[in-house]
PDB file of N, CA and C in Angstrom:
ATOM      1  N   MET A   1      12.275 -68.849 -54.573  1.00  0.00           N
ATOM      2  CA  MET A   1      12.028 -67.881 -54.008  1.00  0.00           C
ATOM      3  C   MET A   1      12.189 -66.450 -54.629  1.00  0.00           C
ATOM      4  N   GLY A   2      12.656 -65.638 -54.195  1.00  0.00           N
ATOM      5  CA  GLY A   2      13.368 -63.951 -53.818  1.00  0.00           C
ATOM      6  C   GLY A   2      13.520 -63.750 -52.560  1.00  0.00           C
ATOM      7  N   ARG A   3      14.477 -62.966 -52.779  1.00  0.00           N
ATOM      8  CA  ARG A   3      15.257 -62.023 -51.409  1.00  0.00           C
ATOM      9  C   ARG A   3      13.965 -60.958 -51.264  1.00  0.00           C
ATOM     10  N   ARG A   4      13.958 -60.309 -50.084  1.00  0.00           N
ATOM     11  CA  ARG A   4      12.934 -59.516 -49.551  1.00  0.00           C
ATOM     12  C   ARG A   4      13.824 -58.173 -50.231  1.00  0.00           C
ATOM     13  N   ARG A   5      12.576 -57.269 -50.298  1.00  0.00           N
ATOM     14  CA  ARG A   5      13.339 -55.770 -50.827  1.00  0.00           C
ATOM     15  C   ARG A   5      13.932 -55.372 -49.934  1.00  0.00           C
ATOM     16  N   ARG A   6      14.304 -54.336 -49.537  1.00  0.00           N
ATOM     17  CA  ARG A   6      15.144 -53.583 -48.462  1.00  0.00           C
ATOM     18  C   ARG A   6      13.718 -52.058 -47.914  1.00  0.00           C
ATOM     19  N   ARG A   7      13.825 -52.089 -47.210  1.00  0.00           N
ATOM     20  CA  ARG A   7      12.732 -50.580 -46.995  1.00  0.00           C
ATOM     21  C   ARG A   7      13.576 -49.386 -46.979  1.00  0.00           C
ATOM     22  N   ALA A   8      13.460 -48.398 -48.000  1.00  0.00           N
ATOM     23  CA  ALA A   8      14.309 -47.094 -48.109  1.00  0.00           C
ATOM     24  C   ALA A   8      13.310 -46.551 -46.381  1.00  0.00           C
ATOM     25  N   VAL A   9      14.514 -46.000 -46.316  1.00  0.00           N
ATOM     26  CA  VAL A   9      14.531 -45.251 -45.068  1.00  0.00           C
ATOM     27  C   VAL A   9      15.088 -43.508 -45.655  1.00  0.00           C
ATOM     28  N   ARG A  10      13.856 -42.906 -44.756  1.00  0.00           N
ATOM     29  CA  ARG A  10      14.210 -41.424 -45.109  1.00  0.00           C
ATOM     30  C   ARG A  10      14.370 -40.459 -43.713  1.00  0.00           C
ATOM     31  N   ILE A  11      15.132 -40.128 -44.490  1.00  0.00           N
ATOM     32  CA  ILE A  11      15.750 -39.109 -43.293  1.00  0.00           C
ATOM     33  C   ILE A  11      15.875 -37.603 -43.320  1.00  0.00           C
ATOM     34  N   PRO A  12      15.016 -37.614 -42.529  1.00  0.00           N
ATOM     35  CA  PRO A  12      13.813 -36.333 -42.680  1.00  0.00           C
ATOM     36  C   PRO A  12      14.832 -35.082 -42.379  1.00  0.00           C
ATOM     37  N   GLN A  13      15.063 -33.750 -43.172  1.00  0.00           N
ATOM     38  CA  GLN A  13      15.333 -32.495 -43.698  1.00  0.00           C
ATOM     39  C   GLN A  13      15.365 -31.734 -42.255  1.00  0.00           C
ATOM     40  N   LYS A  14      16.283 -31.187 -41.635  1.00  0.00           N
ATOM     41  CA  LYS A  14      16.423 -30.462 -40.953  1.00  0.00           C
ATOM     42  C   LYS A  14      15.687 -28.909 -41.409  1.00  0.00           C
ATOM     43  N   ARG A  15      15.296 -27.814 -40.299  1.00  0.00           N
ATOM     44  CA  ARG A  15      14.753 -26.752 -40.562  1.00  0.00           C
ATOM     45  C   ARG A  15      15.831 -25.823 -39.681  1.00  0.00           C
ATOM     46  N   LEU A  16      15.129 -24.226 -39.833  1.00  0.00           N
ATOM     47  CA  LEU A  16      16.343 -23.339 -39.337  1.00  0.00           C
ATOM     48  C   LEU A  16      14.829 -23.397 -38.170  1.00  0.00           C
ATOM     49  N   PRO A  17      15.538 -22.767 -36.798  1.00  0.00           N
ATOM     50  CA  PRO A  17      14.184 -22.649 -36.203  1.00  0.00           C
ATOM     51  C   PRO A  17      13.529 -21.232 -36.051  1.00  0.00           C
ATOM     52  N   SER A  18      12.605 -21.148 -35.602  1.00  0.00           N
ATOM     53  CA  SER A  18      12.226 -19.405 -36.196  1.00  0.00           C
ATOM     54  C   SER A  18      11.139 -18.737 -35.029  1.00  0.00           C
ATOM     55  N   VAL A  19      11.902 -19.664 -33.409  1.00  0.00           N
ATOM     56  CA  VAL A  19      11.207 -18.608 -32.823  1.00  0.00           C
ATOM     57  C   VAL A  19      12.811 -18.952 -31.829  1.00  0.00           C
ATOM     58  N   PHE A  20      13.308 -18.094 -30.730  1.00  0.00           N
ATOM     59  CA  PHE A  20      14.666 -17.814 -30.593  1.00  0.00           C
ATOM     60  C   PHE A  20      14.930 -17.738 -29.184  1.00  0.00           C
ATOM     61  N   LEU A  21      15.865 -18.223 -28.423  1.00  0.00           N
ATOM     62  CA  LEU A  21      16.282 -17.442 -26.776  1.00  0.00           C
ATOM     63  C   LEU A  21      16.171 -16.358 -26.951  1.00  0.00           C
ATOM     64  N   CYS A  22      16.128 -15.835 -25.531  1.00  0.00           N
ATOM     65  CA  CYS A  22      15.924 -14.289 -25.340  1.00  0.00           C
ATOM     66  C   CYS A  22      17.351 -14.258 -24.075  1.00  0.00           C
ATOM     67  N   PRO A  23      18.495 -13.789 -24.891  1.00  0.00           N
ATOM     68  CA  PRO A  23      19.517 -13.159 -23.648  1.00  0.00           C
ATOM     69  C   PRO A  23      19.423 -12.931 -22.924  1.00  0.00           C
ATOM     70  N   LYS A  24      18.350 -11.692 -22.704  1.00  0.00           N
ATOM     71  CA  LYS A  24      17.785 -11.448 -21.424  1.00  0.00           C
ATOM     72  C   LYS A  24      16.551 -12.548 -20.372  1.00  0.00           C
ATOM     73  N   CYS A  25      16.176 -13.487 -20.748  1.00  0.00           N
ATOM     74  CA  CYS A  25      15.531 -13.409 -19.786  1.00  0.00           C
ATOM     75  C   CYS A  25      15.120 -15.200 -20.066  1.00  0.00           C
ATOM     76  N   GLY A  26      15.863 -15.793 -20.893  1.00  0.00           N
ATOM     77  CA  GLY A  26      15.759 -17.191 -21.280  1.00  0.00           C
ATOM     78  C   GLY A  26      14.541 -18.193 -21.992  1.00  0.00           C
ATOM     79  N   LYS A  27      13.253 -17.339 -22.164  1.00  0.00           N
ATOM     80  CA  LYS A  27      12.842 -18.067 -22.267  1.00  0.00           C
ATOM     81  C   LYS A  27      12.809 -18.130 -24.210  1.00  0.00           C
ATOM     82  N   LYS A  28      12.261 -19.212 -24.302  1.00  0.00           N
ATOM     83  CA  LYS A  28      11.728 -19.399 -26.478  1.00  0.00           C
ATOM     84  C   LYS A  28      11.011 -17.825 -26.950  1.00  0.00           C
ATOM     85  N   ALA A  29      11.090 -17.351 -27.079  1.00  0.00           N
ATOM     86  CA  ALA A  29       9.910 -16.732 -27.103  1.00  0.00           C
ATOM     87  C   ALA A  29      10.851 -15.083 -28.009  1.00  0.00           C
ATOM     88  N   ILE A  30      11.670 -14.986 -28.794  1.00  0.00           N
ATOM     89  CA  ILE A  30      12.271 -14.546 -29.781  1.00  0.00           C
ATOM     90  C   ILE A  30      11.207 -14.503 -31.442  1.00  0.00           C
ATOM     91  N   ASN A  31      10.755 -13.163 -31.660  1.00  0.00           N
ATOM     92  CA  ASN A  31      10.354 -13.266 -32.817  1.00  0.00           C
ATOM     93  C   ASN A  31      11.178 -12.649 -33.708  1.00  0.00           C
ATOM     94  N   VAL A  32      11.183 -12.999 -35.551  1.00  0.00           N
ATOM     95  CA  VAL A  32      12.102 -11.787 -36.371  1.00  0.00           C
ATOM     96  C   VAL A  32      10.547 -11.702 -37.372  1.00  0.00           C
ATOM     97  N   VAL A  33      10.742 -10.541 -36.974  1.00  0.00           N
ATOM     98  CA  VAL A  33       9.579  -9.757 -38.390  1.00  0.00           C
ATOM     99  C   VAL A  33      10.419  -8.846 -39.689  1.00  0.00           C
ATOM    100  N   PHE A  34      10.213  -9.526 -40.567  1.00  0.00           N
ATOM    101  CA  PHE A  34      10.889  -8.610 -41.991  1.00  0.00           C
ATOM    102  C   PHE A  34      10.491  -7.409 -42.055  1.00  0.00           C
ATOM    103  N   LYS A  35      10.066  -6.245 -42.463  1.00  0.00           N
ATOM    104  CA  LYS A  35       9.760  -5.070 -42.763  1.00  0.00           C
ATOM    105  C   LYS A  35       9.971  -4.656 -44.148  1.00  0.00           C
ATOM    106  N   GLU A  36       9.722  -4.795 -45.188  1.00  0.00           N
ATOM    107  CA  GLU A  36       9.661  -4.845 -46.794  1.00  0.00           C
ATOM    108  C   GLU A  36       9.628  -3.417 -47.176  1.00  0.00           C
ATOM    109  N   GLU A  37       8.965  -2.807 -46.650  1.00  0.00           N
ATOM    110  CA  GLU A  37       8.317  -1.946 -47.254  1.00  0.00           C
ATOM    111  C   GLU A  37       9.449  -0.792 -47.099  1.00  0.00           C
ATOM    112  N   ARG A  38      10.528  -0.412 -45.582  1.00  0.00           N
ATOM    113  CA  ARG A  38      11.454   0.525 -45.165  1.00  0.00           C
ATOM    114  C   ARG A  38      13.185  -1.027 -45.097  1.00  0.00           C
ATOM    115  N   GLN A  39      13.137  -1.991 -45.343  1.00  0.00           N
ATOM    116  CA  GLN A  39      14.223  -2.664 -45.080  1.00  0.00           C
ATOM    117  C   GLN A  39      14.492  -2.987 -43.591  1.00  0.00           C
ATOM    118  N   LYS A  40      13.909  -3.045 -42.899  1.00  0.00           N
ATOM    119  CA  LYS A  40      14.432  -3.776 -41.610  1.00  0.00           C
ATOM    120  C   LYS A  40      13.472  -4.380 -41.895  1.00  0.00           C
ATOM    121  N   ALA A  41      14.555  -5.360 -39.981  1.00  0.00           N
ATOM    122  CA  ALA A  41      13.511  -6.682 -39.295  1.00  0.00           C
ATOM    123  C   ALA A  41      13.934  -6.245 -38.035  1.00  0.00           C
ATOM    124  N   SER A  42      12.089  -6.452 -38.001  1.00  0.00           N
ATOM    125  CA  SER A  42      12.193  -6.111 -36.492  1.00  0.00           C
ATOM    126  C   SER A  42      12.333  -7.435 -35.316  1.00  0.00           C
ATOM    127  N   ILE A  43      13.055  -6.859 -34.047  1.00  0.00           N
ATOM    128  CA  ILE A  43      13.251  -8.974 -33.254  1.00  0.00           C
ATOM    129  C   ILE A  43      12.802  -8.320 -31.627  1.00  0.00           C
ATOM    130  N   VAL A  44      11.328  -9.413 -31.438  1.00  0.00           N
ATOM    131  CA  VAL A  44      10.967  -8.786 -30.058  1.00  0.00           C
ATOM    132  C   VAL A  44      10.657  -9.631 -29.663  1.00  0.00           C
ATOM    133  N   CYS A  45      10.904 -10.021 -27.712  1.00  0.00           N
ATOM    134  CA  CYS A  45      10.754 -11.013 -27.326  1.00  0.00           C
ATOM    135  C   CYS A  45       9.486 -10.986 -26.382  1.00  0.00           C
ATOM    136  N   GLY A  46       8.266 -11.714 -27.134  1.00  0.00           N
ATOM    137  CA  GLY A  46       6.627 -11.879 -26.302  1.00  0.00           C
ATOM    138  C   GLY A  46       6.613 -12.246 -24.608  1.00  0.00           C
ATOM    139  N   ASN A  47       7.743 -12.443 -24.137  1.00  0.00           N
ATOM    140  CA  ASN A  47       7.408 -12.342 -22.840  1.00  0.00           C
ATOM    141  C   ASN A  47       8.226 -11.379 -21.744  1.00  0.00           C
ATOM    142  N   CYS A  48       9.442 -10.676 -22.135  1.00  0.00           N
ATOM    143  CA  CYS A  48      10.161  -9.228 -21.377  1.00  0.00           C
ATOM    144  C   CYS A  48      10.139  -8.638 -22.302  1.00  0.00           C
ATOM    145  N   GLY A  49       9.897  -8.744 -22.993  1.00  0.00           N
ATOM    146  CA  GLY A  49       9.718  -6.865 -24.232  1.00  0.00           C
ATOM    147  C   GLY A  49      10.819  -6.571 -24.770  1.00  0.00           C
ATOM    148  N   LEU A  50      11.476  -7.196 -24.510  1.00  0.00           N
ATOM    149  CA  LEU A  50      12.991  -6.627 -25.743  1.00  0.00           C
ATOM    150  C   LEU A  50      12.834  -6.607 -26.990  1.00  0.00           C
ATOM    151  N   ARG A  51      13.071  -5.681 -27.541  1.00  0.00           N
ATOM    152  CA  ARG A  51      13.122  -5.247 -28.934  1.00  0.00           C
ATOM    153  C   ARG A  51      13.922  -4.417 -28.952  1.00  0.00           C
ATOM    154  N   ASP A  52      14.438  -4.674 -30.549  1.00  0.00           N
ATOM    155  CA  ASP A  52      15.783  -3.736 -31.278  1.00  0.00           C
ATOM    156  C   ASP A  52      15.382  -4.199 -33.275  1.00  0.00           C
ATOM    157  N   GLU A  53      15.216  -3.015 -33.995  1.00  0.00           N
ATOM    158  CA  GLU A  53      15.734  -3.372 -34.892  1.00  0.00           C
ATOM    159  C   GLU A  53      17.161  -2.831 -35.622  1.00  0.00           C
ATOM    160  N   PHE A  54      17.293  -3.840 -36.658  1.00  0.00           N
ATOM    161  CA  PHE A  54      18.464  -4.007 -37.735  1.00  0.00           C
ATOM    162  C   PHE A  54      17.742  -3.611 -39.081  1.00  0.00           C
ATOM    163  N   PRO A  55      19.273  -2.709 -39.682  1.00  0.00           N
ATOM    164  CA  PRO A  55      18.377  -2.888 -40.958  1.00  0.00           C
ATOM    165  C   PRO A  55      18.901  -3.975 -41.882  1.00  0.00           C
ATOM    166  N   THR A  56      18.407  -4.303 -43.114  1.00  0.00           N
ATOM    167  CA  THR A  56      18.223  -6.057 -43.865  1.00  0.00           C
ATOM    168  C   THR A  56      18.923  -5.716 -45.104  1.00  0.00           C
ATOM    169  N   LYS A  57      19.026  -6.963 -45.642  1.00  0.00           N
ATOM    170  CA  LYS A  57      19.352  -7.451 -47.610  1.00  0.00           C
ATOM    171  C   LYS A  57      18.278  -7.991 -47.147  1.00  0.00           C
ATOM    172  N   LYS A  58      17.596  -8.695 -48.600  1.00  0.00           N
ATOM    173  CA  LYS A  58      16.967  -8.943 -49.162  1.00  0.00           C
ATOM    174  C   LYS A  58      17.810 -10.948 -49.080  1.00  0.00           C
ATOM    175  N   THR A  59      18.843 -10.922 -48.862  1.00  0.00           N
ATOM    176  CA  THR A  59      19.526 -12.086 -48.862  1.00  0.00           C
ATOM    177  C   THR A  59      19.671 -12.057 -46.987  1.00  0.00           C
ATOM    178  N   ILE A  60      19.500 -12.190 -46.127  1.00  0.00           N
ATOM    179  CA  ILE A  60      19.430 -12.406 -44.866  1.00  0.00           C
ATOM    180  C   ILE A  60      18.135 -12.675 -44.468  1.00  0.00           C
ATOM    181  N   GLN A  61      18.195 -13.689 -43.161  1.00  0.00           N
ATOM    182  CA  GLN A  61      17.344 -14.529 -43.061  1.00  0.00           C
ATOM    183  C   GLN A  61      16.868 -14.618 -41.273  1.00  0.00           C
ATOM    184  N   GLU A  62      16.310 -15.022 -40.793  1.00  0.00           N
ATOM    185  CA  GLU A  62      16.075 -14.865 -39.501  1.00  0.00           C
ATOM    186  C   GLU A  62      16.706 -14.781 -38.591  1.00  0.00           C
ATOM    187  N   ILE A  63      17.984 -16.594 -38.891  1.00  0.00           N
ATOM    188  CA  ILE A  63      18.608 -16.813 -38.095  1.00  0.00           C
ATOM    189  C   ILE A  63      19.934 -15.928 -37.893  1.00  0.00           C
ATOM    190  N   ASP A  64      19.899 -14.900 -39.267  1.00  0.00           N
ATOM    191  CA  ASP A  64      21.018 -14.168 -39.339  1.00  0.00           C
ATOM    192  C   ASP A  64      20.975 -12.438 -38.301  1.00  0.00           C
ATOM    193  N   VAL A  65      19.721 -12.207 -38.465  1.00  0.00           N
ATOM    194  CA  VAL A  65      19.382 -10.766 -37.518  1.00  0.00           C
ATOM    195  C   VAL A  65      19.299 -11.450 -36.612  1.00  0.00           C
ATOM    196  N   TYR A  66      19.141 -11.801 -35.797  1.00  0.00           N
ATOM    197  CA  TYR A  66      19.060 -13.207 -34.338  1.00  0.00           C
ATOM    198  C   TYR A  66      20.576 -13.402 -34.015  1.00  0.00           C
ATOM    199  N   CYS A  67      21.757 -13.263 -34.873  1.00  0.00           N
ATOM    200  CA  CYS A  67      23.021 -13.654 -33.896  1.00  0.00           C
ATOM    201  C   CYS A  67      23.175 -12.417 -34.508  1.00  0.00           C
ATOM    202  N   GLU A  68      22.907 -11.613 -34.677  1.00  0.00           N
ATOM    203  CA  GLU A  68      23.138 -10.010 -35.112  1.00  0.00           C
ATOM    204  C   GLU A  68      23.095  -9.203 -33.431  1.00  0.00           C
ATOM    205  N   PHE A  69      21.683  -9.298 -33.481  1.00  0.00           N
ATOM    206  CA  PHE A  69      21.470  -8.848 -31.908  1.00  0.00           C
ATOM    207  C   PHE A  69      21.691  -9.774 -30.411  1.00  0.00           C
ATOM    208  N   THR A  70      22.295 -10.914 -30.616  1.00  0.00           N
ATOM    209  CA  THR A  70      22.947 -11.287 -29.402  1.00  0.00           C
ATOM    210  C   THR A  70      24.324 -11.031 -29.630  1.00  0.00           C
ATOM    211  N   ASP A  71      24.694 -10.749 -30.218  1.00  0.00           N
ATOM    212  CA  ASP A  71      25.876  -9.827 -30.468  1.00  0.00           C
ATOM    213  C   ASP A  71      26.236  -8.236 -29.419  1.00  0.00           C
ATOM    214  N   LYS A  72      24.927  -7.604 -30.475  1.00  0.00           N
ATOM    215  CA  LYS A  72      24.654  -6.494 -30.291  1.00  0.00           C
ATOM    216  C   LYS A  72      24.386  -6.787 -28.318  1.00  0.00           C
ATOM    217  N   PHE A  73      23.238  -7.604 -27.869  1.00  0.00           N
ATOM    218  CA  PHE A  73      22.963  -7.181 -26.576  1.00  0.00           C
ATOM    219  C   PHE A  73      24.478  -7.648 -25.520  1.00  0.00           C
ATOM    220  N   TYR A  74      24.939  -8.795 -26.097  1.00  0.00           N
ATOM    221  CA  TYR A  74      26.406  -9.193 -24.811  1.00  0.00           C
ATOM    222  C   TYR A  74      27.357  -8.221 -25.006  1.00  0.00           C
ATOM    223  N   SER A  75      27.069  -7.431 -26.265  1.00  0.00           N
ATOM    224  CA  SER A  75      28.242  -6.105 -26.075  1.00  0.00           C
ATOM    225  C   SER A  75      27.517  -5.268 -25.354  1.00  0.00           C
ATOM    226  N   ASN A  76      26.434  -4.934 -25.044  1.00  0.00           N
ATOM    227  CA  ASN A  76      25.751  -3.724 -24.176  1.00  0.00           C
ATOM    228  C   ASN A  76      25.807  -2.890 -24.658  1.00  0.00           C
ATOM    229  N   ARG A  77      24.814  -3.068 -26.155  1.00  0.00           N
ATOM    230  CA  ARG A  77      24.503  -1.430 -26.665  1.00  0.00           C
ATOM    231  C   ARG A  77      22.983  -1.930 -27.365  1.00  0.00           C
ATOM    232  N   THR A  78      22.787  -2.281 -26.903  1.00  0.00           N
ATOM    233  CA  THR A  78      20.565  -2.485 -26.790  1.00  0.00           C
ATOM    234  C   THR A  78      19.894  -1.448 -25.930  1.00  0.00           C
ATOM    235  N   ARG A  79      18.915  -1.190 -26.521  1.00  0.00           N
ATOM    236  CA  ARG A  79      18.041  -0.856 -25.338  1.00  0.00           C
ATOM    237  C   ARG A  79      17.244  -1.930 -24.272  1.00  0.00           C
ATOM    238  N   ALA A  80      17.551  -1.551 -22.838  1.00  0.00           N
ATOM    239  CA  ALA A  80      17.047  -2.788 -22.533  1.00  0.00           C
ATOM    240  C   ALA A  80      15.428  -2.674 -21.890  1.00  0.00           C
TER     241      ALA A  80
END
């Protein structure tokens, strides 16, 4: 009699989100769109229409742009 083989346990990889919480309306509706030709990132809320643009580099990801946006929003420097 042989012993039983142990089952391989797979741990799912965590992924970064692509839709974020809006600091103005509180809904999960913020979307980040990169514009390669102008090297800018546009951030738009699908619910309340809050929007802004940021200059980007090749290495910046969506979460980085969202963090810059929330910092700017909470310091009251964004267009509402």
